[in-house]
Amino acid sequence: MVENYCKDENTIMLCVSNALVDLENCKGLNVCRKIDFEGKRTIGVLTKCDRLDIGQESKVLKKALVDSKFLKYGYRAIINATPQ
């Protein structure tokens, strides 16, 4: 059902991914790549960036930077306020 809506050329796809999971294993991103193989209509969103361990954040951000070349609109990171 989702693919039927996303095939419309006027639809912008919002691909929400958990930052704690490897982007290559993200099913939503794979569906977006299958439908929008040029990445012209896809926006990536990384959630739970505030839960990344120190040192792990640079690894995730590097992968997102490499992958953002695929997405015209790139990635956005969601960071919730923490007590620190």
C-alpha atoms as a PDB file:
ATOM      1  CA  MET A   1       0.000   0.000   0.000  1.00  0.00           C
ATOM      2  CA  VAL A   2       2.832   2.408   0.881  1.00  0.00           C
ATOM      3  CA  GLU A   3       4.575   1.804  -2.426  1.00  0.00           C
ATOM      4  CA  ASN A   4       1.437   2.825  -4.334  1.00  0.00           C
ATOM      5  CA  TYR A   5       1.424   6.234  -2.635  1.00  0.00           C
ATOM      6  CA  CYS A   6       5.174   6.702  -2.963  1.00  0.00           C
ATOM      7  CA  LYS A   7       5.262   5.987  -6.695  1.00  0.00           C
ATOM      8  CA  ASP A   8       3.453   9.283  -7.319  1.00  0.00           C
ATOM      9  CA  GLU A   9       6.071  11.782  -8.586  1.00  0.00           C
ATOM     10  CA  ASN A  10       4.543  14.555  -6.419  1.00  0.00           C
ATOM     11  CA  THR A  11       5.113  12.623  -3.197  1.00  0.00           C
ATOM     12  CA  ILE A  12       8.087  13.409  -0.972  1.00  0.00           C
ATOM     13  CA  MET A  13       9.110  10.423   1.126  1.00  0.00           C
ATOM     14  CA  LEU A  14      10.193  10.914   4.722  1.00  0.00           C
ATOM     15  CA  CYS A  15      12.436   8.007   5.688  1.00  0.00           C
ATOM     16  CA  VAL A  16      12.745   7.786   9.483  1.00  0.00           C
ATOM     17  CA  SER A  17      15.596   5.615  10.775  1.00  0.00           C
ATOM     18  CA  ASN A  18      16.854   4.774  14.228  1.00  0.00           C
ATOM     19  CA  ALA A  19      20.438   6.055  14.640  1.00  0.00           C
ATOM     20  CA  LEU A  20      21.246   3.051  16.826  1.00  0.00           C
ATOM     21  CA  VAL A  21      20.666   0.699  13.875  1.00  0.00           C
ATOM     22  CA  ASP A  22      22.962   0.459  10.865  1.00  0.00           C
ATOM     23  CA  LEU A  23      21.559   2.463   7.925  1.00  0.00           C
ATOM     24  CA  GLU A  24      22.319  -0.365   5.528  1.00  0.00           C
ATOM     25  CA  ASN A  25      19.832  -2.548   7.419  1.00  0.00           C
ATOM     26  CA  CYS A  26      17.060   0.061   7.392  1.00  0.00           C
ATOM     27  CA  LYS A  27      14.052  -1.425   5.582  1.00  0.00           C
ATOM     28  CA  GLY A  28      12.448   1.970   5.020  1.00  0.00           C
ATOM     29  CA  LEU A  29      15.536   3.311   3.305  1.00  0.00           C
ATOM     30  CA  ASN A  30      15.705   0.240   1.088  1.00  0.00           C
ATOM     31  CA  VAL A  31      12.081   0.793   0.019  1.00  0.00           C
ATOM     32  CA  CYS A  32      12.813   4.460  -0.697  1.00  0.00           C
ATOM     33  CA  ARG A  33      15.853   3.517  -2.771  1.00  0.00           C
ATOM     34  CA  LYS A  34      13.803   1.016  -4.719  1.00  0.00           C
ATOM     35  CA  ILE A  35      11.111   3.569  -5.592  1.00  0.00           C
ATOM     36  CA  ASP A  36      13.229   6.742  -5.764  1.00  0.00           C
ATOM     37  CA  PHE A  37      16.574   5.370  -6.936  1.00  0.00           C
ATOM     38  CA  GLU A  38      17.925   8.873  -7.674  1.00  0.00           C
ATOM     39  CA  GLY A  39      16.970  10.180  -4.209  1.00  0.00           C
ATOM     40  CA  LYS A  40      15.211  13.257  -5.587  1.00  0.00           C
ATOM     41  CA  ARG A  41      12.111  12.900  -3.393  1.00  0.00           C
ATOM     42  CA  THR A  42      13.482  11.418  -0.175  1.00  0.00           C
ATOM     43  CA  ILE A  43      14.320  13.125   3.124  1.00  0.00           C
ATOM     44  CA  GLY A  44      16.190  11.097   5.741  1.00  0.00           C
ATOM     45  CA  VAL A  45      15.554  11.516   9.470  1.00  0.00           C
ATOM     46  CA  LEU A  46      17.760   9.953  12.146  1.00  0.00           C
ATOM     47  CA  THR A  47      16.074   9.495  15.518  1.00  0.00           C
ATOM     48  CA  LYS A  48      17.554   8.706  18.940  1.00  0.00           C
ATOM     49  CA  CYS A  49      20.826  10.489  18.164  1.00  0.00           C
ATOM     50  CA  ASP A  50      20.984  11.567  21.818  1.00  0.00           C
ATOM     51  CA  ARG A  51      21.281   7.897  22.875  1.00  0.00           C
ATOM     52  CA  LEU A  52      24.489   7.261  20.936  1.00  0.00           C
ATOM     53  CA  ASP A  53      27.586   6.479  22.995  1.00  0.00           C
ATOM     54  CA  ILE A  54      30.577   8.797  22.877  1.00  0.00           C
ATOM     55  CA  GLY A  55      32.623   7.905  19.820  1.00  0.00           C
ATOM     56  CA  GLN A  56      29.717   6.075  18.192  1.00  0.00           C
ATOM     57  CA  GLU A  57      28.119   9.333  17.040  1.00  0.00           C
ATOM     58  CA  SER A  58      30.957  10.132  14.645  1.00  0.00           C
ATOM     59  CA  LYS A  59      30.648   6.683  13.082  1.00  0.00           C
ATOM     60  CA  VAL A  60      26.892   7.118  12.509  1.00  0.00           C
ATOM     61  CA  LEU A  61      27.293  10.653  11.208  1.00  0.00           C
ATOM     62  CA  LYS A  62      29.987   9.559   8.727  1.00  0.00           C
ATOM     63  CA  LYS A  63      27.659   6.883   7.352  1.00  0.00           C
ATOM     64  CA  ALA A  64      24.841   9.421   7.099  1.00  0.00           C
ATOM     65  CA  LEU A  65      27.133  11.852   5.285  1.00  0.00           C
ATOM     66  CA  VAL A  66      28.120   9.208   2.759  1.00  0.00           C
ATOM     67  CA  ASP A  67      24.505   8.144   2.350  1.00  0.00           C
ATOM     68  CA  SER A  68      23.287  11.755   2.080  1.00  0.00           C
ATOM     69  CA  LYS A  69      24.919  11.938  -1.348  1.00  0.00           C
ATOM     70  CA  PHE A  70      22.105   9.613  -2.388  1.00  0.00           C
ATOM     71  CA  LEU A  71      19.435  11.913  -0.921  1.00  0.00           C
ATOM     72  CA  LYS A  72      18.848  15.309  -2.524  1.00  0.00           C
ATOM     73  CA  TYR A  73      17.499  16.749   0.735  1.00  0.00           C
ATOM     74  CA  GLY A  74      19.981  14.905   2.968  1.00  0.00           C
ATOM     75  CA  TYR A  75      19.425  13.823   6.567  1.00  0.00           C
ATOM     76  CA  ARG A  76      18.059  15.566   9.633  1.00  0.00           C
ATOM     77  CA  ALA A  77      18.982  14.440  13.153  1.00  0.00           C
ATOM     78  CA  ILE A  78      16.532  14.397  16.040  1.00  0.00           C
ATOM     79  CA  ILE A  79      18.141  15.054  19.411  1.00  0.00           C
ATOM     80  CA  ASN A  80      15.984  15.156  22.535  1.00  0.00           C
ATOM     81  CA  ALA A  81      16.982  17.151  25.596  1.00  0.00           C
ATOM     82  CA  THR A  82      18.873  15.094  28.182  1.00  0.00           C
ATOM     83  CA  PRO A  83      19.663  15.786  31.841  1.00  0.00           C
ATOM     84  CA  GLN A  84      23.361  16.218  30.919  1.00  0.00           C
END
